[in-house]
């Protein structure tokens, strides 16, 4: 018997929340390593990766809520994740 896949947006978001949970734990870890009275600092590469994770999550959720259809109506259009640094 095949397992029925939940196609609702809520189910999709719940399955992908682990990405954001990892992000939160990482930021908590970085903040915990800072001594009181000091400003926290993060490596630029780490911050860029965190932003990428959030952007991908947002795009996935938006794509699930309202699938993109090309102008000719031949199906969904995949949007590539791009960043300008």
C-alpha atoms as a PDB file:
ATOM      1  CA  UNK A   1       0.000   0.000   0.000  1.00  0.00           C
ATOM      2  CA  UNK A   2       1.368   3.427  -0.930  1.00  0.00           C
ATOM      3  CA  UNK A   3       1.592   6.122   1.697  1.00  0.00           C
ATOM      4  CA  UNK A   4      -0.668   9.058   0.889  1.00  0.00           C
ATOM      5  CA  UNK A   5       1.282  12.299   0.630  1.00  0.00           C
ATOM      6  CA  UNK A   6      -0.162  15.389   2.309  1.00  0.00           C
ATOM      7  CA  UNK A   7      -0.273  18.032  -0.435  1.00  0.00           C
ATOM      8  CA  UNK A   8      -1.501  20.887   1.751  1.00  0.00           C
ATOM      9  CA  UNK A   9       0.671  23.918   2.363  1.00  0.00           C
ATOM     10  CA  UNK A  10       0.578  23.321   6.114  1.00  0.00           C
ATOM     11  CA  UNK A  11       1.957  19.815   5.711  1.00  0.00           C
ATOM     12  CA  UNK A  12       4.656  21.072   3.379  1.00  0.00           C
ATOM     13  CA  UNK A  13       5.738  23.770   5.833  1.00  0.00           C
ATOM     14  CA  UNK A  14       5.792  21.359   8.774  1.00  0.00           C
ATOM     15  CA  UNK A  15       8.049  18.968   6.838  1.00  0.00           C
ATOM     16  CA  UNK A  16      10.490  21.762   5.987  1.00  0.00           C
ATOM     17  CA  UNK A  17      10.649  23.461   9.383  1.00  0.00           C
ATOM     18  CA  UNK A  18      13.716  21.428  10.301  1.00  0.00           C
ATOM     19  CA  UNK A  19      15.793  23.752   8.122  1.00  0.00           C
ATOM     20  CA  UNK A  20      14.706  26.745  10.171  1.00  0.00           C
ATOM     21  CA  UNK A  21      15.192  24.863  13.435  1.00  0.00           C
ATOM     22  CA  UNK A  22      18.821  24.210  12.492  1.00  0.00           C
ATOM     23  CA  UNK A  23      19.214  27.896  11.654  1.00  0.00           C
ATOM     24  CA  UNK A  24      17.832  28.940  15.036  1.00  0.00           C
ATOM     25  CA  UNK A  25      20.080  26.503  16.915  1.00  0.00           C
ATOM     26  CA  UNK A  26      23.136  27.758  15.033  1.00  0.00           C
ATOM     27  CA  UNK A  27      22.397  31.402  15.844  1.00  0.00           C
ATOM     28  CA  UNK A  28      21.738  30.473  19.497  1.00  0.00           C
ATOM     29  CA  UNK A  29      25.093  28.666  19.584  1.00  0.00           C
ATOM     30  CA  UNK A  30      26.900  31.680  18.129  1.00  0.00           C
ATOM     31  CA  UNK A  31      25.253  34.021  20.649  1.00  0.00           C
ATOM     32  CA  UNK A  32      26.030  31.714  23.572  1.00  0.00           C
ATOM     33  CA  UNK A  33      29.730  31.830  22.679  1.00  0.00           C
ATOM     34  CA  UNK A  34      29.882  35.607  23.099  1.00  0.00           C
ATOM     35  CA  UNK A  35      30.933  37.004  26.472  1.00  0.00           C
ATOM     36  CA  UNK A  36      28.505  39.407  28.153  1.00  0.00           C
ATOM     37  CA  UNK A  37      29.103  42.986  27.053  1.00  0.00           C
ATOM     38  CA  UNK A  38      30.681  42.019  23.734  1.00  0.00           C
ATOM     39  CA  UNK A  39      29.077  42.318  20.328  1.00  0.00           C
ATOM     40  CA  UNK A  40      28.538  39.030  18.504  1.00  0.00           C
ATOM     41  CA  UNK A  41      30.389  38.559  15.223  1.00  0.00           C
ATOM     42  CA  UNK A  42      29.687  36.021  12.507  1.00  0.00           C
ATOM     43  CA  UNK A  43      31.730  34.966   9.536  1.00  0.00           C
ATOM     44  CA  UNK A  44      30.479  36.466   6.249  1.00  0.00           C
ATOM     45  CA  UNK A  45      30.238  33.030   4.609  1.00  0.00           C
ATOM     46  CA  UNK A  46      28.100  31.774   7.480  1.00  0.00           C
ATOM     47  CA  UNK A  47      25.716  34.723   7.214  1.00  0.00           C
ATOM     48  CA  UNK A  48      25.434  34.245   3.444  1.00  0.00           C
ATOM     49  CA  UNK A  49      24.596  30.566   3.963  1.00  0.00           C
ATOM     50  CA  UNK A  50      21.974  31.468   6.565  1.00  0.00           C
ATOM     51  CA  UNK A  51      20.378  33.933   4.158  1.00  0.00           C
ATOM     52  CA  UNK A  52      20.411  31.328   1.383  1.00  0.00           C
ATOM     53  CA  UNK A  53      18.630  28.857   3.646  1.00  0.00           C
ATOM     54  CA  UNK A  54      15.895  31.367   4.505  1.00  0.00           C
ATOM     55  CA  UNK A  55      15.492  32.459   0.872  1.00  0.00           C
ATOM     56  CA  UNK A  56      15.169  28.875  -0.350  1.00  0.00           C
ATOM     57  CA  UNK A  57      12.634  28.096   2.372  1.00  0.00           C
ATOM     58  CA  UNK A  58      10.547  31.169   1.498  1.00  0.00           C
ATOM     59  CA  UNK A  59      10.646  30.368  -2.220  1.00  0.00           C
ATOM     60  CA  UNK A  60       9.626  26.756  -1.555  1.00  0.00           C
ATOM     61  CA  UNK A  61       6.693  27.845   0.604  1.00  0.00           C
ATOM     62  CA  UNK A  62       5.592  30.478  -1.915  1.00  0.00           C
ATOM     63  CA  UNK A  63       5.876  27.918  -4.712  1.00  0.00           C
ATOM     64  CA  UNK A  64       3.756  25.449  -2.766  1.00  0.00           C
ATOM     65  CA  UNK A  65       1.096  28.053  -1.977  1.00  0.00           C
ATOM     66  CA  UNK A  66       0.782  29.324  -5.557  1.00  0.00           C
ATOM     67  CA  UNK A  67       2.554  27.251  -8.213  1.00  0.00           C
ATOM     68  CA  UNK A  68       4.082  29.292 -11.023  1.00  0.00           C
ATOM     69  CA  UNK A  69       2.703  28.574 -14.480  1.00  0.00           C
ATOM     70  CA  UNK A  70       4.484  29.635 -17.634  1.00  0.00           C
ATOM     71  CA  UNK A  71       2.799  32.060 -20.036  1.00  0.00           C
ATOM     72  CA  UNK A  72       1.880  29.334 -22.493  1.00  0.00           C
ATOM     73  CA  UNK A  73       0.180  27.324 -19.738  1.00  0.00           C
ATOM     74  CA  UNK A  74       2.289  24.220 -20.302  1.00  0.00           C
ATOM     75  CA  UNK A  75       3.040  23.564 -16.655  1.00  0.00           C
ATOM     76  CA  UNK A  76       5.006  24.791 -13.704  1.00  0.00           C
ATOM     77  CA  UNK A  77       8.110  26.920 -14.091  1.00  0.00           C
ATOM     78  CA  UNK A  78      11.051  26.189 -11.809  1.00  0.00           C
ATOM     79  CA  UNK A  79      12.620  29.334 -10.378  1.00  0.00           C
ATOM     80  CA  UNK A  80      16.357  29.189  -9.812  1.00  0.00           C
ATOM     81  CA  UNK A  81      17.767  30.579  -6.585  1.00  0.00           C
ATOM     82  CA  UNK A  82      20.242  33.337  -7.345  1.00  0.00           C
ATOM     83  CA  UNK A  83      22.050  35.779  -5.103  1.00  0.00           C
ATOM     84  CA  UNK A  84      24.072  38.857  -5.892  1.00  0.00           C
ATOM     85  CA  UNK A  85      27.041  39.279  -3.572  1.00  0.00           C
END
